[in-house]
Amino acid sequence: MTGDLEQTIEQVKKFAQKWNELYATEQFEEMKELATEDVGIANAPESKSGTGLIYGRQAYYDGIVGAYRGASGKEKNLLVMQYEDWEYVSLGDPLSFYTIGKYTLQPDTVGVNCWLLRRTSPTAPWRVYRVVNT
C-alpha cells in the first residue's frame, strides 16, 4: 500500500469516526452537511425509481433521523459504523473512495453499508455521494 493511499484511508476513517460522533450526539443537521447536495441513497424503500435511489441531503437527513427514532418515533437507536474493519477501495484517484463494511443499529440490527465518498480536491473534506444500505 502506498503512503498516499494509507494517508487517504486514515482520512476516511476520521470522516467515519466524526459521522459516528455526530450521530451519537444527535447532531443530525451537521451530519446532513457531510453529504453532497446530490447524495443518492440506494435500496431506499421510498424510492419510486427502478434503481432504488432517492436523492438529496434532505432524504439523507430523513434516513439518519428515521433510523435513530425508529418505528415508534421515540426510540434512540444507536447506529455505529464499524469503520476500523471496513474495506477501503480506491477508485484510482485521490478524490473518490468506496468504503464497505458492517454497521450495527442497536439493539438488534446488523447490516452492511457502502459509502461512495468524494471530495473536490486532495485537501477538501470528504462528502458522502452515494449510500447503499443492506
Protein backbone atom coordinates (compact mmCIF):
# COMPACT_ATOMS: atom_id res chain seq x y z
CA MET A 1 0.00 0.00 0.00
CA THR A 2 1.40 3.37 -0.93
CA GLY A 3 1.89 6.14 1.60
CA ASP A 4 -0.69 8.29 -0.20
CA LEU A 5 -3.29 5.52 -0.04
CA GLU A 6 -2.59 4.88 3.64
CA GLN A 7 -3.00 8.60 4.36
CA THR A 8 -6.26 8.69 2.40
CA ILE A 9 -7.62 5.70 4.33
CA GLU A 10 -6.75 7.41 7.61
CA GLN A 11 -8.68 10.49 6.43
CA VAL A 12 -11.65 8.31 5.52
CA LYS A 13 -11.54 6.65 8.95
CA LYS A 14 -11.55 10.07 10.60
CA PHE A 15 -14.55 11.01 8.48
CA ALA A 16 -16.41 7.88 9.63
CA GLN A 17 -15.43 8.48 13.24
CA LYS A 18 -16.82 12.02 13.02
CA TRP A 19 -20.01 10.60 11.49
CA ASN A 20 -20.38 8.22 14.46
CA GLU A 21 -19.75 11.00 16.96
CA LEU A 22 -22.30 13.33 15.37
CA TYR A 23 -24.90 10.55 15.26
CA ALA A 24 -24.33 9.58 18.90
CA THR A 25 -24.84 13.21 19.97
CA GLU A 26 -27.93 13.74 17.79
CA GLN A 27 -26.26 16.38 15.62
CA PHE A 28 -28.28 15.46 12.54
CA GLU A 29 -28.10 18.85 10.80
CA GLU A 30 -24.30 18.64 10.94
CA MET A 31 -24.48 15.12 9.53
CA LYS A 32 -26.55 16.40 6.64
CA GLU A 33 -23.62 18.65 5.71
CA LEU A 34 -21.35 15.60 5.41
CA ALA A 35 -23.20 14.64 2.22
CA THR A 36 -23.05 16.18 -1.21
CA GLU A 37 -26.16 18.10 -2.26
CA ASP A 38 -27.00 15.37 -4.77
CA VAL A 39 -26.27 12.43 -2.47
CA GLY A 40 -28.03 9.27 -3.61
CA ILE A 41 -29.37 6.61 -1.29
CA ALA A 42 -29.75 3.14 -2.82
CA ASN A 43 -32.16 0.46 -1.63
CA ALA A 44 -34.38 3.21 -0.24
CA PRO A 45 -37.87 1.81 0.46
CA GLU A 46 -39.50 5.11 -0.51
CA SER A 47 -37.82 5.20 -3.93
CA LYS A 48 -40.15 5.39 -6.93
CA SER A 49 -37.26 4.57 -9.28
CA GLY A 50 -36.27 1.16 -10.59
CA THR A 51 -32.76 1.94 -9.41
CA GLY A 52 -33.93 2.11 -5.81
CA LEU A 53 -32.27 5.50 -5.48
CA ILE A 54 -33.54 8.65 -3.84
CA TYR A 55 -31.54 11.85 -3.93
CA GLY A 56 -30.70 14.84 -1.85
CA ARG A 57 -29.47 15.94 1.52
CA GLN A 58 -32.97 16.09 2.96
CA ALA A 59 -33.57 12.42 2.08
CA TYR A 60 -30.20 11.59 3.62
CA TYR A 61 -31.14 13.51 6.76
CA ASP A 62 -34.56 11.84 6.90
CA GLY A 63 -32.92 8.42 6.70
CA ILE A 64 -30.50 9.17 9.52
CA VAL A 65 -33.19 10.61 11.78
CA GLY A 66 -35.59 7.79 10.90
CA ALA A 67 -33.01 5.16 11.87
CA TYR A 68 -32.38 6.96 15.14
CA ARG A 69 -36.02 7.45 16.08
CA GLY A 70 -37.18 4.02 14.89
CA ALA A 71 -40.67 2.85 14.09
CA SER A 72 -42.21 4.45 17.17
CA GLY A 73 -40.57 7.81 16.52
CA LYS A 74 -39.40 7.84 20.13
CA GLU A 75 -36.57 5.33 20.12
CA LYS A 76 -32.95 6.35 20.35
CA ASN A 77 -31.29 3.66 18.26
CA LEU A 78 -27.54 3.91 18.26
CA LEU A 79 -26.18 3.34 14.76
CA VAL A 80 -22.47 2.57 14.77
CA MET A 81 -20.37 2.31 11.64
CA GLN A 82 -17.58 -0.11 12.47
CA TYR A 83 -15.12 1.60 10.15
CA GLU A 84 -11.96 0.04 11.59
CA ASP A 85 -12.81 -3.27 9.91
CA TRP A 86 -14.15 -1.83 6.66
CA GLU A 87 -12.80 -2.47 3.21
CA TYR A 88 -11.42 0.65 1.54
CA VAL A 89 -11.43 0.71 -2.25
CA SER A 90 -9.72 3.48 -4.15
CA LEU A 91 -11.25 4.38 -7.50
CA GLY A 92 -7.84 5.26 -8.89
CA ASP A 93 -7.73 8.89 -7.89
CA PRO A 94 -7.49 10.71 -4.56
CA LEU A 95 -10.97 12.23 -4.98
CA SER A 96 -13.25 9.14 -4.93
CA PHE A 97 -13.26 6.27 -2.48
CA TYR A 98 -15.57 3.37 -1.61
CA THR A 99 -15.94 2.05 1.91
CA ILE A 100 -17.73 -1.22 2.53
CA GLY A 101 -18.39 -2.60 5.96
CA LYS A 102 -20.56 -3.64 8.83
CA TYR A 103 -22.76 -1.46 10.95
CA THR A 104 -24.89 -2.12 13.99
CA LEU A 105 -28.19 -0.46 14.71
CA GLN A 106 -28.80 -1.22 18.33
CA PRO A 107 -30.40 -3.05 19.87
CA ASP A 108 -30.56 -5.88 17.33
CA THR A 109 -29.86 -5.00 13.70
CA VAL A 110 -26.62 -5.69 11.86
CA GLY A 111 -26.11 -4.80 8.23
CA VAL A 112 -23.65 -3.86 5.53
CA ASN A 113 -23.19 -0.30 4.38
CA CYS A 114 -21.32 1.08 1.41
CA TRP A 115 -20.39 4.73 1.00
CA LEU A 116 -19.02 6.33 -2.12
CA LEU A 117 -17.09 9.32 -0.80
CA ARG A 118 -16.00 12.23 -2.95
CA ARG A 119 -14.06 15.43 -2.50
CA THR A 120 -13.28 18.28 -4.85
CA SER A 121 -9.52 18.34 -4.23
CA PRO A 122 -6.96 16.32 -2.26
CA THR A 123 -7.23 18.82 0.61
CA ALA A 124 -11.03 19.27 0.53
CA PRO A 125 -13.22 17.46 3.07
CA TRP A 126 -14.84 14.15 2.19
CA ARG A 127 -18.57 14.09 1.43
CA VAL A 128 -20.94 11.14 1.10
CA TYR A 129 -22.00 10.90 -2.55
CA ARG A 130 -23.79 7.53 -2.54
CA VAL A 131 -25.04 5.25 0.22
CA VAL A 132 -26.02 1.64 -0.29
CA ASN A 133 -27.86 0.13 2.65
CA THR A 134 -28.49 -3.59 3.01
